Amino acid sequence: MRAFLTRRLLLLVPTLLGVTLATFLMLHLTPGDPVTIMLGEFASASDVARLRAELGLDRPIVVQYLKFLGRAVRGDLGSSIRSRRPVQEEIAERLPPTMVLALAAQVLAVCAGITAGVTAAAARRPSVDSAIVAVTLVGLSMPTFWSGLLLILLFSLTLGWLPITASGGLRALILPAVTLAAPAAAVLARVTRASVLEVLRQDYVRTARAKGVSERLVVYRHALRNALIPVLTVAALQFAGLVAGAVIVESVFSRPGLGRLAVTAILSRDFPLAQGIVLVVASVYVFVNVGVDLVYGVLDPRIRYQ
């Protein structure tokens, strides 16, 4: 286990390096100059040159990347070009609302997706299975910005049951969490259904049925535990996607989270802030996946770390 964990942690280094390099190149090669955005198009050449030198943007792109990398290794993500505040402070302020939204959406997606998938797989009537599959197709095909607007129109503007903005407290979390969770729940439902159906064909399940074990125990005690292994993988991969998907949802519901901060950073070409946000999201992604690999052994004793 220790050797496996060491190898997995060592693999994080090239992964995060690749993420930072790709982000850095995309941001710097995209048309748009943060200095021009800050000073305006009619600024004098001397003012532009002075500010570029002050921000370090006049140096070669390789030097800029190495400088960013050196600071990141020391835990310093630099300062925002727009606000001149440390990037860590900007992210620390906006990360908690986004993580709360992503976690709430993850819980809803896992609960709804696994329940729907198991119900569809264990359903004795084909109509139940077909109905659940049809609902998951709707969840997958509807964009989050569109479903979010529909939920606002129905539950906030028409019925008046739930608030729209984040100032409504926990009740204001319901609509954005449901909006963000719907596509993830649909994916988990389909993965769970396929996995449970595959496990139900195994020999040990037939043996349990031959011994007279009730169908409920066969599904929930014998089949579900092994069927959850691929579901857990998908759910873990979805979590980083939910954090990234919060960009759209936070914009629709006017939530002051990391997503809206990322949009602002990209539009204003705030390179240090955008790079810091991507690095944080990527770190969450890779560490969650390491945790999933470790949990595999708990869910399935047949797995051995070598």
Protein backbone atom coordinates (compact mmCIF):
# COMPACT_ATOMS: atom_id res chain seq x y z
CA MET A 1 0.00 0.00 0.00
CA ARG A 2 2.78 2.44 0.92
CA ALA A 3 4.68 1.81 -2.32
CA PHE A 4 1.48 2.21 -4.34
CA LEU A 5 0.65 5.49 -2.60
CA THR A 6 4.20 6.78 -3.18
CA ARG A 7 4.00 6.01 -6.91
CA ARG A 8 0.61 7.69 -7.21
CA LEU A 9 1.83 10.80 -5.42
CA LEU A 10 4.92 10.97 -7.63
CA LEU A 11 2.69 10.86 -10.70
CA LEU A 12 0.94 13.98 -9.47
CA VAL A 13 4.05 16.06 -10.22
CA PRO A 14 4.11 15.63 -14.04
CA THR A 15 0.31 15.85 -14.12
CA LEU A 16 0.20 19.21 -12.39
CA LEU A 17 3.20 20.42 -14.42
CA GLY A 18 1.35 19.57 -17.62
CA VAL A 19 -1.76 21.37 -16.42
CA THR A 20 0.15 24.52 -15.48
CA LEU A 21 2.08 24.55 -18.77
CA ALA A 22 -1.05 24.05 -20.91
CA THR A 23 -2.94 26.75 -18.99
CA PHE A 24 -0.03 29.17 -19.16
CA LEU A 25 0.39 28.75 -22.92
CA MET A 26 -3.33 29.02 -23.69
CA LEU A 27 -3.71 32.18 -21.63
CA HIS A 28 -0.65 33.89 -23.07
CA LEU A 29 -1.32 32.87 -26.69
CA THR A 30 -4.96 33.96 -26.59
CA PRO A 31 -5.53 37.39 -28.19
CA GLY A 32 -5.82 40.19 -25.66
CA ASP A 33 -3.43 42.17 -23.50
CA PRO A 34 -4.11 42.79 -19.81
CA VAL A 35 -2.20 46.07 -19.96
CA THR A 36 -4.42 47.38 -22.77
CA ILE A 37 -7.51 46.26 -20.85
CA MET A 38 -6.31 48.09 -17.73
CA LEU A 39 -5.11 51.32 -19.38
CA GLY A 40 -7.46 51.48 -22.34
CA GLU A 41 -6.77 51.59 -26.05
CA PHE A 42 -5.71 55.26 -26.02
CA ALA A 43 -2.93 54.89 -23.43
CA SER A 44 0.48 56.16 -24.46
CA ALA A 45 3.19 53.74 -25.50
CA SER A 46 5.37 54.78 -22.58
CA ASP A 47 2.61 54.05 -20.07
CA VAL A 48 1.99 50.66 -21.66
CA ALA A 49 5.70 49.80 -21.63
CA ARG A 50 6.06 50.94 -18.01
CA LEU A 51 3.12 48.83 -16.80
CA ARG A 52 4.23 45.78 -18.80
CA ALA A 53 7.67 46.02 -17.19
CA GLU A 54 6.10 46.48 -13.77
CA LEU A 55 3.97 43.35 -14.22
CA GLY A 56 6.84 41.35 -15.73
CA LEU A 57 5.00 40.86 -19.03
CA ASP A 58 7.91 42.22 -21.06
CA ARG A 59 10.04 39.17 -20.30
CA PRO A 60 10.21 36.09 -22.57
CA ILE A 61 7.31 33.69 -22.08
CA VAL A 62 9.66 30.92 -20.91
CA VAL A 63 11.06 33.18 -18.18
CA GLN A 64 7.54 34.14 -17.11
CA TYR A 65 6.51 30.48 -16.84
CA LEU A 66 9.59 29.48 -14.87
CA LYS A 67 9.05 32.39 -12.51
CA PHE A 68 5.42 31.37 -11.97
CA LEU A 69 6.48 27.75 -11.43
CA GLY A 70 9.16 28.71 -8.93
CA ARG A 71 6.70 30.77 -6.90
CA ALA A 72 4.05 28.02 -7.07
CA VAL A 73 6.49 25.46 -5.65
CA ARG A 74 6.98 27.78 -2.67
CA GLY A 75 3.21 28.18 -2.28
CA ASP A 76 3.14 31.67 -3.77
CA LEU A 77 0.76 32.08 -6.72
CA GLY A 78 1.65 35.72 -7.24
CA SER A 79 -0.61 38.76 -7.23
CA SER A 80 -3.69 39.49 -9.29
CA ILE A 81 -3.02 41.90 -12.14
CA ARG A 82 -6.48 43.41 -11.75
CA SER A 83 -6.76 43.88 -7.99
CA ARG A 84 -3.04 43.65 -7.03
CA ARG A 85 -4.07 41.34 -4.17
CA PRO A 86 -2.37 37.96 -3.55
CA VAL A 87 -3.97 35.24 -5.65
CA GLN A 88 -4.24 33.01 -2.57
CA GLU A 89 -6.47 35.56 -0.87
CA GLU A 90 -8.70 35.95 -3.91
CA ILE A 91 -9.14 32.17 -4.23
CA ALA A 92 -9.58 31.65 -0.48
CA GLU A 93 -12.50 34.10 -0.47
CA ARG A 94 -14.30 32.53 -3.42
CA LEU A 95 -13.47 28.84 -2.99
CA PRO A 96 -15.78 28.00 -0.03
CA PRO A 97 -19.07 28.92 -1.81
CA THR A 98 -18.02 26.94 -4.87
CA MET A 99 -16.98 23.89 -2.83
CA VAL A 100 -20.28 24.00 -0.90
CA LEU A 101 -22.19 24.11 -4.20
CA ALA A 102 -20.11 21.30 -5.73
CA LEU A 103 -20.41 19.11 -2.62
CA ALA A 104 -24.17 19.66 -2.42
CA ALA A 105 -24.49 18.80 -6.11
CA GLN A 106 -22.27 15.73 -5.64
CA VAL A 107 -24.41 14.42 -2.77
CA LEU A 108 -27.60 14.96 -4.76
CA ALA A 109 -26.11 13.35 -7.87
CA VAL A 110 -24.80 10.28 -6.02
CA CYS A 111 -28.01 9.71 -4.07
CA ALA A 112 -30.34 10.26 -7.01
CA GLY A 113 -28.12 8.54 -9.58
CA ILE A 114 -27.43 5.37 -7.61
CA THR A 115 -31.05 5.07 -6.47
CA ALA A 116 -32.35 5.47 -10.02
CA GLY A 117 -29.75 3.11 -11.46
CA VAL A 118 -30.41 0.33 -8.95
CA THR A 119 -34.18 0.76 -9.33
CA ALA A 120 -33.89 0.48 -13.12
CA ALA A 121 -31.63 -2.58 -12.94
CA ALA A 122 -33.77 -4.41 -10.37
CA ALA A 123 -37.14 -3.41 -11.84
CA ARG A 124 -39.35 -6.37 -12.67
CA ARG A 125 -41.40 -4.33 -15.11
CA PRO A 126 -39.63 -3.14 -18.30
CA SER A 127 -41.71 0.05 -18.26
CA VAL A 128 -39.99 1.22 -15.07
CA ASP A 129 -36.57 0.63 -16.57
CA SER A 130 -37.52 2.41 -19.79
CA ALA A 131 -38.96 5.39 -17.91
CA ILE A 132 -35.80 5.86 -15.83
CA VAL A 133 -33.58 5.56 -18.92
CA ALA A 134 -35.73 8.18 -20.68
CA VAL A 135 -35.45 10.57 -17.73
CA THR A 136 -31.65 10.19 -17.68
CA LEU A 137 -31.53 11.04 -21.39
CA VAL A 138 -33.42 14.26 -20.66
CA GLY A 139 -30.98 15.09 -17.87
CA LEU A 140 -28.01 14.51 -20.14
CA SER A 141 -29.36 16.47 -23.09
CA MET A 142 -30.45 19.63 -21.24
CA PRO A 143 -27.69 22.26 -20.82
CA THR A 144 -27.18 23.50 -17.27
CA PHE A 145 -27.76 27.16 -18.16
CA TRP A 146 -31.10 26.25 -19.74
CA SER A 147 -32.26 24.00 -16.91
CA GLY A 148 -31.16 26.63 -14.40
CA LEU A 149 -33.24 29.30 -16.12
CA LEU A 150 -36.25 26.96 -16.22
CA LEU A 151 -35.93 26.22 -12.51
CA ILE A 152 -35.69 29.94 -11.74
CA LEU A 153 -38.77 30.63 -13.86
CA LEU A 154 -40.81 27.87 -12.21
CA PHE A 155 -39.77 27.79 -8.56
CA SER A 156 -38.68 31.40 -8.02
CA LEU A 157 -40.65 33.67 -10.35
CA THR A 158 -43.86 31.65 -10.82
CA LEU A 159 -44.32 29.75 -7.56
CA GLY A 160 -42.10 31.93 -5.36
CA TRP A 161 -40.91 28.97 -3.32
CA LEU A 162 -37.16 29.50 -3.53
CA PRO A 163 -34.89 32.57 -3.78
CA ILE A 164 -32.68 33.23 -6.78
CA THR A 165 -29.64 34.98 -5.33
CA ALA A 166 -27.13 33.70 -2.78
CA SER A 167 -28.46 36.11 -0.16
CA GLY A 168 -31.31 33.67 0.52
CA GLY A 169 -29.17 31.41 2.72
CA LEU A 170 -29.32 27.62 2.45
CA ARG A 171 -32.61 27.78 0.55
CA ALA A 172 -30.77 29.65 -2.19
CA LEU A 173 -28.45 26.65 -2.57
CA ILE A 174 -31.23 24.26 -3.63
CA LEU A 175 -31.81 25.44 -7.21
CA PRO A 176 -28.14 25.80 -8.25
CA ALA A 177 -27.28 22.46 -6.62
CA VAL A 178 -30.12 20.69 -8.45
CA THR A 179 -29.13 22.39 -11.71
CA LEU A 180 -25.50 21.32 -11.35
CA ALA A 181 -26.37 17.81 -10.13
CA ALA A 182 -28.89 16.87 -12.83
CA PRO A 183 -26.45 15.85 -15.63
CA ALA A 184 -24.12 14.15 -13.14
CA ALA A 185 -27.01 12.17 -11.64
CA ALA A 186 -28.09 11.07 -15.11
CA VAL A 187 -24.59 9.75 -15.88
CA LEU A 188 -24.35 7.95 -12.52
CA ALA A 189 -27.78 6.39 -13.02
CA ARG A 190 -26.79 4.91 -16.36
CA VAL A 191 -23.41 3.70 -15.07
CA THR A 192 -25.03 2.18 -11.97
CA ARG A 193 -27.71 0.45 -14.02
CA ALA A 194 -25.15 -1.10 -16.39
CA SER A 195 -22.85 -2.13 -13.54
CA VAL A 196 -25.60 -3.71 -11.45
CA LEU A 197 -26.95 -5.62 -14.46
CA GLU A 198 -23.46 -6.97 -15.16
CA VAL A 199 -22.91 -8.06 -11.55
CA LEU A 200 -26.34 -9.72 -11.38
CA ARG A 201 -25.14 -12.14 -14.11
CA GLN A 202 -22.22 -13.37 -12.00
CA ASP A 203 -22.09 -16.92 -10.63
CA TYR A 204 -22.09 -15.93 -6.96
CA VAL A 205 -25.34 -14.01 -7.51
CA ARG A 206 -26.93 -17.07 -9.11
CA THR A 207 -25.74 -19.11 -6.14
CA ALA A 208 -27.33 -16.68 -3.69
CA ARG A 209 -30.60 -16.87 -5.58
CA ALA A 210 -30.43 -20.66 -5.67
CA LYS A 211 -30.08 -20.66 -1.87
CA GLY A 212 -33.37 -18.79 -1.59
CA VAL A 213 -31.98 -15.36 -0.73
CA SER A 214 -34.57 -12.68 -1.40
CA GLU A 215 -34.12 -10.54 -4.48
CA ARG A 216 -33.79 -7.41 -2.32
CA LEU A 217 -30.85 -8.90 -0.40
CA VAL A 218 -29.30 -10.19 -3.63
CA VAL A 219 -29.33 -6.72 -5.14
CA TYR A 220 -28.44 -4.58 -2.14
CA ARG A 221 -26.13 -6.89 -0.19
CA HIS A 222 -24.39 -9.02 -2.81
CA ALA A 223 -24.50 -7.08 -6.08
CA LEU A 224 -24.45 -3.42 -5.16
CA ARG A 225 -21.13 -3.41 -3.31
CA ASN A 226 -19.16 -4.71 -6.28
CA ALA A 227 -21.24 -2.71 -8.73
CA LEU A 228 -20.30 0.52 -6.94
CA ILE A 229 -16.63 0.32 -7.93
CA PRO A 230 -16.99 1.85 -11.43
CA VAL A 231 -19.69 4.17 -10.08
CA LEU A 232 -17.23 5.53 -7.50
CA THR A 233 -14.70 6.20 -10.23
CA VAL A 234 -17.18 8.16 -12.31
CA ALA A 235 -18.44 10.07 -9.25
CA ALA A 236 -14.89 11.07 -8.30
CA LEU A 237 -14.12 12.23 -11.83
CA GLN A 238 -17.37 14.18 -11.84
CA PHE A 239 -16.46 16.17 -8.75
CA ALA A 240 -13.81 18.23 -10.52
CA GLY A 241 -16.28 18.59 -13.38
CA LEU A 242 -18.84 19.94 -10.94
CA VAL A 243 -16.34 22.50 -9.66
CA ALA A 244 -15.64 23.53 -13.25
CA GLY A 245 -19.35 23.44 -14.14
CA ALA A 246 -20.01 25.89 -11.34
CA VAL A 247 -18.69 28.60 -13.69
CA ILE A 248 -21.97 28.55 -15.64
CA VAL A 249 -24.27 27.84 -12.70
CA GLU A 250 -22.78 30.60 -10.55
CA SER A 251 -23.24 33.04 -13.41
CA VAL A 252 -26.90 32.03 -13.89
CA PHE A 253 -27.70 32.29 -10.17
CA SER A 254 -25.35 35.23 -9.41
CA ARG A 255 -23.40 33.29 -6.81
CA PRO A 256 -20.04 34.88 -5.81
CA GLY A 257 -17.91 31.78 -6.18
CA LEU A 258 -14.75 30.57 -7.85
CA GLY A 259 -16.51 30.14 -11.19
CA ARG A 260 -17.44 33.79 -11.54
CA LEU A 261 -13.95 34.76 -10.41
CA ALA A 262 -12.48 32.54 -13.15
CA VAL A 263 -14.66 34.18 -15.80
CA THR A 264 -13.58 37.63 -14.61
CA ALA A 265 -9.91 36.59 -14.60
CA ILE A 266 -10.05 35.19 -18.13
CA LEU A 267 -11.95 38.16 -19.58
CA SER A 268 -9.53 40.64 -17.99
CA ARG A 269 -6.50 38.50 -18.95
CA ASP A 270 -5.50 38.27 -15.29
CA PHE A 271 -2.88 35.58 -15.89
CA PRO A 272 -1.75 34.88 -12.30
CA LEU A 273 -5.32 34.62 -11.01
CA ALA A 274 -6.53 32.38 -13.84
CA GLN A 275 -3.48 30.12 -13.51
CA GLY A 276 -3.96 29.88 -9.75
CA ILE A 277 -7.63 28.91 -10.13
CA VAL A 278 -6.83 26.19 -12.67
CA LEU A 279 -4.03 24.86 -10.46
CA VAL A 280 -6.35 24.63 -7.45
CA VAL A 281 -9.08 22.84 -9.44
CA ALA A 282 -6.54 20.45 -10.97
CA SER A 283 -5.09 19.69 -7.54
CA VAL A 284 -8.55 18.84 -6.21
CA TYR A 285 -9.08 16.58 -9.22
CA VAL A 286 -5.88 14.57 -8.90
CA PHE A 287 -6.01 14.20 -5.10
CA VAL A 288 -9.61 12.98 -5.25
CA ASN A 289 -8.55 10.35 -7.76
CA VAL A 290 -5.74 9.16 -5.48
CA GLY A 291 -8.28 8.84 -2.69
CA VAL A 292 -10.55 6.80 -4.95
CA ASP A 293 -7.72 4.39 -5.76
CA LEU A 294 -7.16 3.83 -2.05
CA VAL A 295 -10.87 3.25 -1.39
CA TYR A 296 -10.94 0.55 -4.08
CA GLY A 297 -9.37 -1.93 -1.71
CA VAL A 298 -12.10 -1.31 0.87
CA LEU A 299 -14.93 -1.81 -1.61
CA ASP A 300 -13.39 -4.82 -3.34
CA PRO A 301 -11.04 -7.06 -1.28
CA ARG A 302 -9.95 -8.76 -4.51
CA ILE A 303 -7.90 -5.68 -5.41
CA ARG A 304 -4.32 -5.76 -4.19
CA TYR A 305 -1.87 -2.88 -4.45
CA GLN A 306 1.41 -3.98 -5.90
